[in-house]
Amino acid sequence: MNTVLLIYLVFIVAPISNFIHELGHMLGAKLARADDITIYVGRGRRIFRLLTHQTDIQVGIAFFTSGLTVSNRKNVYRPHEMIYITFLGPLLNAIMVFIFYLIYMNLPNTFILFFMLYNGWLFLVNCIPFKIGKQESDGYIIVRELFSKNVYK
């Protein structure tokens, strides 16, 4: 059973949860009226791509590893826009925790529990402000934008 749970966690829970997280950033970018949005799920050679009007979703061969959302618009984002674009990623993971908690209370299941716990972990880790090299956590971006001089303009 442990092997099945590990495969489930790595190949199903992680990519879906990472995609949900990136969808939160995409939603924030759409609210900020981004001109174009690209969601990357995974790393390496692209194995899947979905192009819509303003959104490009790309999946890499190592689809279980990470995610990234990049959005652009003609006018530079204001700090408060960056804050809600950034915060909506972890918020969607927190919403998934709540939903799957309710499901788990009515239908206790290890697979549901793993999905809930992984999304909780994504929420918590992304809220912690840290920077490693050029990689900035969502929490770091939010704190940086909160302390920028033009946050309330």
Protein backbone atom coordinates (compact mmCIF):
# COMPACT_ATOMS: atom_id res chain seq x y z
CA MET A 1 0.00 0.00 0.00
CA ASN A 2 2.88 2.42 0.70
CA THR A 3 4.08 2.22 -2.91
CA VAL A 4 0.58 2.97 -4.19
CA LEU A 5 0.33 6.02 -1.90
CA LEU A 6 3.75 7.28 -2.98
CA ILE A 7 2.84 6.94 -6.66
CA TYR A 8 -0.49 8.65 -5.95
CA LEU A 9 1.24 11.50 -4.11
CA VAL A 10 3.96 12.07 -6.72
CA PHE A 11 2.03 11.56 -9.95
CA ILE A 12 -1.48 12.68 -9.06
CA VAL A 13 -1.67 14.81 -5.89
CA ALA A 14 1.46 16.94 -6.49
CA PRO A 15 0.75 17.92 -10.11
CA ILE A 16 -2.94 18.58 -9.52
CA SER A 17 -2.26 20.60 -6.36
CA ASN A 18 0.53 22.57 -8.07
CA PHE A 19 -1.82 23.26 -10.99
CA ILE A 20 -4.55 24.44 -8.57
CA HIS A 21 -1.99 26.77 -6.96
CA GLU A 22 -1.02 28.21 -10.34
CA LEU A 23 -4.69 28.60 -11.29
CA GLY A 24 -4.99 30.90 -8.26
CA HIS A 25 -2.20 33.09 -9.61
CA MET A 26 -3.88 33.01 -13.04
CA LEU A 27 -7.18 34.12 -11.51
CA GLY A 28 -5.40 37.02 -9.80
CA ALA A 29 -3.71 37.99 -13.05
CA LYS A 30 -7.05 37.92 -14.87
CA LEU A 31 -8.56 40.14 -12.15
CA ALA A 32 -5.64 42.53 -12.71
CA ARG A 33 -6.44 42.46 -16.45
CA ALA A 34 -3.23 40.80 -17.61
CA ASP A 35 -2.63 40.87 -21.35
CA ASP A 36 -1.21 37.35 -21.40
CA ILE A 37 -0.73 34.56 -18.87
CA THR A 38 1.45 31.46 -19.06
CA ILE A 39 1.16 28.59 -16.60
CA TYR A 40 4.03 26.11 -16.44
CA VAL A 41 3.48 22.80 -14.65
CA GLY A 42 6.64 20.75 -14.30
CA ARG A 43 10.05 21.11 -15.84
CA GLY A 44 11.89 19.81 -18.85
CA ARG A 45 10.72 19.15 -22.37
CA ARG A 46 7.13 20.25 -22.98
CA ILE A 47 4.76 17.29 -23.39
CA PHE A 48 1.46 19.19 -23.49
CA ARG A 49 0.32 22.68 -24.38
CA LEU A 50 -3.08 24.35 -24.31
CA LEU A 51 -3.43 27.80 -25.87
CA THR A 52 -6.52 29.91 -25.32
CA HIS A 53 -7.25 33.57 -25.98
CA GLN A 54 -4.98 35.02 -23.28
CA THR A 55 -3.70 31.93 -21.49
CA ASP A 56 -0.98 29.42 -22.36
CA ILE A 57 -0.78 26.26 -20.23
CA GLN A 58 2.37 24.18 -20.64
CA VAL A 59 3.19 20.85 -19.00
CA GLY A 60 6.77 19.61 -18.79
CA ILE A 61 7.91 16.00 -18.74
CA ALA A 62 8.71 16.27 -15.01
CA PHE A 63 5.12 17.43 -14.39
CA PHE A 64 5.20 16.43 -10.73
CA THR A 65 7.99 18.82 -9.71
CA SER A 66 6.83 22.42 -9.70
CA GLY A 67 4.70 25.16 -11.16
CA LEU A 68 5.06 28.76 -12.26
CA THR A 69 2.69 31.41 -13.54
CA VAL A 70 3.96 34.35 -15.56
CA SER A 71 1.66 37.21 -16.50
CA ASN A 72 2.26 40.43 -18.35
CA ARG A 73 0.40 43.55 -19.25
CA LYS A 74 1.25 46.82 -20.90
CA ASN A 75 1.03 48.81 -17.64
CA VAL A 76 3.20 47.68 -14.75
CA TYR A 77 1.29 45.96 -11.92
CA ARG A 78 0.75 48.13 -8.86
CA PRO A 79 1.87 46.66 -5.50
CA HIS A 80 -1.68 45.86 -4.35
CA GLU A 81 -2.29 43.99 -7.61
CA MET A 82 0.91 41.98 -7.13
CA ILE A 83 -0.26 41.14 -3.62
CA TYR A 84 -3.59 39.66 -4.67
CA ILE A 85 -2.10 37.92 -7.73
CA THR A 86 0.46 36.34 -5.43
CA PHE A 87 -1.91 35.54 -2.56
CA LEU A 88 -4.56 33.81 -4.66
CA GLY A 89 -2.21 30.85 -5.32
CA PRO A 90 -1.90 29.81 -1.66
CA LEU A 91 -5.52 30.80 -1.04
CA LEU A 92 -6.76 28.25 -3.58
CA ASN A 93 -4.69 25.58 -1.81
CA ALA A 94 -6.27 26.62 1.51
CA ILE A 95 -9.73 26.36 -0.06
CA MET A 96 -8.85 22.84 -1.26
CA VAL A 97 -7.83 21.93 2.30
CA PHE A 98 -11.21 23.10 3.58
CA ILE A 99 -13.17 21.27 0.87
CA PHE A 100 -11.23 18.04 1.27
CA TYR A 101 -11.48 18.29 5.07
CA LEU A 102 -15.27 18.33 4.73
CA ILE A 103 -15.11 15.39 2.35
CA TYR A 104 -12.74 13.52 4.66
CA MET A 105 -15.03 14.02 7.66
CA ASN A 106 -17.85 12.33 5.75
CA LEU A 107 -15.76 9.81 3.84
CA PRO A 108 -12.51 9.04 5.70
CA ASN A 109 -10.01 7.85 3.13
CA THR A 110 -6.21 7.89 2.98
CA PHE A 111 -6.22 9.26 -0.57
CA ILE A 112 -8.44 12.19 0.41
CA LEU A 113 -6.28 12.79 3.49
CA PHE A 114 -3.10 12.92 1.37
CA PHE A 115 -4.68 15.44 -1.02
CA MET A 116 -5.79 17.60 1.91
CA LEU A 117 -2.41 17.44 3.66
CA TYR A 118 -0.39 18.18 0.51
CA ASN A 119 -2.50 21.25 -0.23
CA GLY A 120 -2.08 22.38 3.37
CA TRP A 121 1.68 21.96 3.01
CA LEU A 122 1.66 23.99 -0.24
CA PHE A 123 -0.33 26.73 1.47
CA LEU A 124 1.97 26.95 4.50
CA VAL A 125 5.28 26.73 2.64
CA ASN A 126 4.23 29.33 0.08
CA CYS A 127 3.15 31.76 2.79
CA ILE A 128 6.57 31.68 4.49
CA PRO A 129 8.70 34.61 3.22
CA PHE A 130 11.98 33.25 1.84
CA LYS A 131 14.28 33.75 -1.10
CA ILE A 132 16.78 31.21 -2.42
CA GLY A 133 18.88 32.62 -5.23
CA LYS A 134 16.40 34.18 -7.64
CA GLN A 135 13.52 32.01 -6.41
CA GLU A 136 11.10 34.00 -4.21
CA SER A 137 8.25 32.45 -2.24
CA ASP A 138 4.76 33.91 -2.46
CA GLY A 139 5.15 35.10 1.12
CA TYR A 140 8.36 36.91 0.22
CA ILE A 141 6.70 38.67 -2.72
CA ILE A 142 3.76 39.73 -0.56
CA VAL A 143 6.01 41.12 2.20
CA ARG A 144 8.18 42.90 -0.38
CA GLU A 145 5.14 44.51 -1.99
CA LEU A 146 3.64 45.46 1.39
CA PHE A 147 6.77 47.40 2.24
CA SER A 148 7.10 49.08 -1.15
CA LYS A 149 6.52 52.83 -1.08
CA ASN A 150 3.55 52.82 -3.48
CA VAL A 151 1.46 50.02 -1.97
CA TYR A 152 -1.59 52.19 -1.31
CA LYS A 153 -1.64 54.08 -4.61
